[in-house]
Structure formats: structure tokens, C-alpha cells
N, C-alpha and C. Protein backbone atom coordinates (compact mmCIF):
# COMPACT_ATOMS: atom_id res chain seq x y z
N MET A 1 5.84 -13.49 -3.33
CA MET A 1 4.82 -13.09 -2.40
C MET A 1 4.44 -11.65 -2.74
N ARG A 2 3.14 -11.42 -2.83
CA ARG A 2 2.64 -10.09 -3.15
C ARG A 2 1.76 -9.59 -2.01
N ALA A 3 1.83 -8.29 -1.77
CA ALA A 3 1.02 -7.70 -0.71
C ALA A 3 0.61 -6.29 -1.10
N TYR A 4 -0.49 -5.86 -0.52
CA TYR A 4 -0.94 -4.48 -0.62
C TYR A 4 -0.63 -3.82 0.71
N VAL A 5 0.05 -2.69 0.65
CA VAL A 5 0.38 -1.97 1.87
C VAL A 5 -0.38 -0.65 1.85
N PHE A 6 -1.30 -0.49 2.80
CA PHE A 6 -2.05 0.75 2.93
C PHE A 6 -1.21 1.68 3.80
N VAL A 7 -0.94 2.87 3.29
CA VAL A 7 -0.03 3.80 3.96
C VAL A 7 -0.78 5.08 4.32
N ASN A 8 -0.76 5.43 5.58
CA ASN A 8 -1.31 6.71 6.03
C ASN A 8 -0.14 7.65 6.30
N VAL A 9 -0.28 8.89 5.82
CA VAL A 9 0.81 9.85 5.93
C VAL A 9 0.33 11.14 6.60
N LYS A 10 1.29 11.94 7.03
CA LYS A 10 0.98 13.24 7.59
C LYS A 10 0.36 14.13 6.52
N ALA A 11 -0.50 15.03 6.93
CA ALA A 11 -1.17 15.94 6.00
C ALA A 11 -0.15 16.69 5.15
N GLY A 12 -0.41 16.73 3.85
CA GLY A 12 0.45 17.45 2.93
C GLY A 12 1.68 16.68 2.46
N LYS A 13 1.84 15.44 2.88
CA LYS A 13 3.04 14.66 2.55
C LYS A 13 2.79 13.54 1.54
N THR A 14 1.58 13.43 1.02
CA THR A 14 1.25 12.30 0.15
C THR A 14 2.14 12.22 -1.08
N LYS A 15 2.32 13.31 -1.80
CA LYS A 15 3.14 13.27 -3.02
C LYS A 15 4.59 12.91 -2.71
N GLU A 16 5.12 13.48 -1.65
CA GLU A 16 6.51 13.23 -1.27
C GLU A 16 6.72 11.77 -0.87
N VAL A 17 5.82 11.24 -0.05
CA VAL A 17 5.94 9.85 0.39
C VAL A 17 5.75 8.91 -0.80
N ALA A 18 4.79 9.19 -1.66
CA ALA A 18 4.56 8.35 -2.84
C ALA A 18 5.81 8.28 -3.71
N ALA A 19 6.47 9.40 -3.90
CA ALA A 19 7.68 9.42 -4.72
C ALA A 19 8.78 8.57 -4.08
N ARG A 20 8.92 8.65 -2.77
CA ARG A 20 9.95 7.85 -2.09
C ARG A 20 9.62 6.37 -2.10
N LEU A 21 8.33 6.04 -1.98
CA LEU A 21 7.93 4.63 -2.05
C LEU A 21 8.27 4.03 -3.41
N ARG A 22 8.07 4.79 -4.47
CA ARG A 22 8.36 4.31 -5.82
C ARG A 22 9.83 3.95 -6.02
N GLU A 23 10.71 4.53 -5.21
CA GLU A 23 12.14 4.27 -5.32
C GLU A 23 12.58 2.98 -4.61
N LEU A 24 11.72 2.41 -3.78
CA LEU A 24 12.10 1.24 -3.00
C LEU A 24 12.02 -0.04 -3.84
N GLU A 25 13.07 -0.85 -3.75
CA GLU A 25 13.08 -2.14 -4.44
C GLU A 25 12.00 -3.03 -3.85
N GLY A 26 11.22 -3.64 -4.71
CA GLY A 26 10.12 -4.50 -4.29
C GLY A 26 8.77 -3.83 -4.39
N VAL A 27 8.75 -2.52 -4.49
CA VAL A 27 7.49 -1.79 -4.66
C VAL A 27 7.19 -1.73 -6.16
N THR A 28 6.06 -2.32 -6.57
CA THR A 28 5.74 -2.40 -7.99
C THR A 28 4.73 -1.37 -8.45
N ALA A 29 3.95 -0.82 -7.51
CA ALA A 29 2.97 0.22 -7.86
C ALA A 29 2.69 1.06 -6.61
N VAL A 30 2.44 2.33 -6.84
CA VAL A 30 2.10 3.26 -5.75
C VAL A 30 0.95 4.13 -6.24
N ASP A 31 -0.17 4.06 -5.54
CA ASP A 31 -1.36 4.81 -5.94
C ASP A 31 -1.86 5.68 -4.80
N PRO A 32 -1.66 7.01 -4.89
CA PRO A 32 -2.27 7.91 -3.91
C PRO A 32 -3.79 7.83 -4.05
N CYS A 33 -4.50 7.94 -2.93
CA CYS A 33 -5.95 7.76 -2.92
C CYS A 33 -6.63 8.91 -2.17
N TRP A 34 -7.91 9.09 -2.42
CA TRP A 34 -8.73 9.96 -1.59
C TRP A 34 -9.21 9.14 -0.42
N GLY A 35 -9.29 9.72 0.74
CA GLY A 35 -9.78 8.99 1.90
C GLY A 35 -8.66 8.22 2.57
N THR A 36 -9.06 7.17 3.25
CA THR A 36 -8.11 6.35 3.99
C THR A 36 -8.00 4.99 3.33
N PRO A 37 -6.84 4.52 3.01
CA PRO A 37 -5.52 5.07 3.28
C PRO A 37 -5.18 6.19 2.30
N ASP A 38 -4.10 6.89 2.57
CA ASP A 38 -3.64 7.96 1.68
C ASP A 38 -2.96 7.39 0.44
N ILE A 39 -2.31 6.24 0.61
CA ILE A 39 -1.57 5.60 -0.48
C ILE A 39 -1.76 4.10 -0.38
N ILE A 40 -1.93 3.45 -1.54
CA ILE A 40 -1.88 1.99 -1.59
C ILE A 40 -0.65 1.63 -2.41
N ALA A 41 0.24 0.83 -1.80
CA ALA A 41 1.44 0.37 -2.48
C ALA A 41 1.32 -1.13 -2.71
N VAL A 42 1.69 -1.57 -3.90
CA VAL A 42 1.73 -2.99 -4.20
C VAL A 42 3.19 -3.41 -4.14
N VAL A 43 3.46 -4.47 -3.37
CA VAL A 43 4.84 -4.93 -3.25
C VAL A 43 4.93 -6.39 -3.68
N SER A 44 6.07 -6.73 -4.23
CA SER A 44 6.33 -8.10 -4.65
C SER A 44 7.75 -8.46 -4.20
N VAL A 45 7.83 -9.44 -3.32
CA VAL A 45 9.12 -9.88 -2.78
C VAL A 45 9.14 -11.41 -2.75
N LYS A 46 10.31 -11.97 -2.54
CA LYS A 46 10.44 -13.43 -2.59
C LYS A 46 10.08 -14.13 -1.28
N THR A 47 10.31 -13.46 -0.16
CA THR A 47 10.11 -14.13 1.13
C THR A 47 9.39 -13.24 2.12
N GLU A 48 8.88 -13.88 3.17
CA GLU A 48 8.25 -13.13 4.25
C GLU A 48 9.27 -12.23 4.95
N ARG A 49 10.49 -12.70 5.06
CA ARG A 49 11.55 -11.90 5.67
C ARG A 49 11.80 -10.62 4.86
N ALA A 50 11.79 -10.74 3.53
CA ALA A 50 11.98 -9.58 2.66
C ALA A 50 10.82 -8.60 2.81
N LEU A 51 9.61 -9.13 2.95
CA LEU A 51 8.43 -8.27 3.15
C LEU A 51 8.55 -7.54 4.48
N ASN A 52 8.95 -8.26 5.50
CA ASN A 52 9.13 -7.67 6.82
C ASN A 52 10.15 -6.53 6.77
N ASP A 53 11.27 -6.77 6.11
CA ASP A 53 12.30 -5.74 5.99
C ASP A 53 11.79 -4.53 5.22
N LEU A 54 11.11 -4.78 4.11
CA LEU A 54 10.60 -3.68 3.29
C LEU A 54 9.63 -2.81 4.06
N VAL A 55 8.67 -3.43 4.70
CA VAL A 55 7.63 -2.65 5.40
C VAL A 55 8.16 -2.03 6.69
N LEU A 56 8.76 -2.84 7.54
CA LEU A 56 9.15 -2.35 8.87
C LEU A 56 10.40 -1.49 8.86
N ASN A 57 11.37 -1.83 8.03
CA ASN A 57 12.64 -1.11 8.07
C ASN A 57 12.79 -0.02 7.03
N ARG A 58 11.99 -0.08 5.96
CA ARG A 58 12.15 0.94 4.93
C ARG A 58 10.89 1.79 4.77
N MET A 59 9.75 1.19 4.58
CA MET A 59 8.53 1.99 4.35
C MET A 59 8.12 2.79 5.59
N GLN A 60 8.06 2.11 6.73
CA GLN A 60 7.59 2.79 7.94
C GLN A 60 8.55 3.86 8.44
N LYS A 61 9.79 3.82 8.01
CA LYS A 61 10.77 4.81 8.46
C LYS A 61 10.89 6.01 7.54
N LEU A 62 10.11 6.03 6.45
CA LEU A 62 10.15 7.19 5.56
C LEU A 62 9.55 8.40 6.27
N PRO A 63 10.16 9.58 6.11
CA PRO A 63 9.59 10.79 6.71
C PRO A 63 8.18 11.02 6.19
N GLY A 64 7.26 11.26 7.09
CA GLY A 64 5.87 11.53 6.72
C GLY A 64 4.94 10.34 6.88
N VAL A 65 5.49 9.13 6.97
CA VAL A 65 4.65 7.94 7.15
C VAL A 65 4.21 7.85 8.61
N GLU A 66 2.91 7.72 8.81
CA GLU A 66 2.38 7.60 10.16
C GLU A 66 2.01 6.17 10.52
N HIS A 67 1.49 5.41 9.54
CA HIS A 67 0.98 4.08 9.84
C HIS A 67 0.90 3.27 8.55
N THR A 68 1.16 1.97 8.65
CA THR A 68 0.96 1.07 7.51
C THR A 68 0.07 -0.08 7.94
N ASP A 69 -0.62 -0.66 6.97
CA ASP A 69 -1.49 -1.82 7.18
C ASP A 69 -1.25 -2.74 6.00
N THR A 70 -0.66 -3.91 6.23
CA THR A 70 -0.22 -4.79 5.16
C THR A 70 -1.19 -5.96 4.97
N HIS A 71 -1.54 -6.22 3.71
CA HIS A 71 -2.45 -7.30 3.35
C HIS A 71 -1.75 -8.21 2.35
N ILE A 72 -1.38 -9.41 2.80
CA ILE A 72 -0.68 -10.38 1.94
C ILE A 72 -1.73 -11.11 1.11
N THR A 73 -1.48 -11.23 -0.19
CA THR A 73 -2.42 -11.92 -1.06
C THR A 73 -2.25 -13.42 -0.95
N LEU A 74 -3.29 -14.15 -1.28
CA LEU A 74 -3.25 -15.61 -1.27
C LEU A 74 -2.82 -16.11 -2.64
N ASP A 75 -2.11 -17.21 -2.65
CA ASP A 75 -1.69 -17.81 -3.93
C ASP A 75 -2.84 -18.56 -4.55
């Protein structure tokens, strides 16, 4: 299962959050952006439960993350 996670961060925290996102298992790409969102992360996991854990328990709890918006791709 693949998804795009749009990540909004606190001002001045984009580089720091992007670096931490790159360290998470299941995150395959991290692209800081101009505008909204601040970062687009591509994730690839085996199950919906794994996606839930990655986004809710690891990504959203990183210091500097304010909000995420997850878009699951269709097969």
C-alpha cells in the first residue's frame, strides 16, 4: 500500500522534520515544498494497520509537525 502524506510543520522546522521523516521505516521519499503542504512524504507499507501506525504514532508525534493529510493511492 502506498500513500502520499502531506505534512504541515511549524515555521522554521521544515529541514529538521524532513530529516526525521527520512529516518522512519516505510518512508520512501521526502520532498520539502513551497506553499502548502510544507513537505510531501511518500510511504510504502504492507497493511492499513502499518500505515495507521506510521502516520498517527510516528509521523504526527515528531517535534514540529502540526498537521498531516494522508492520500492512499489506488491499485
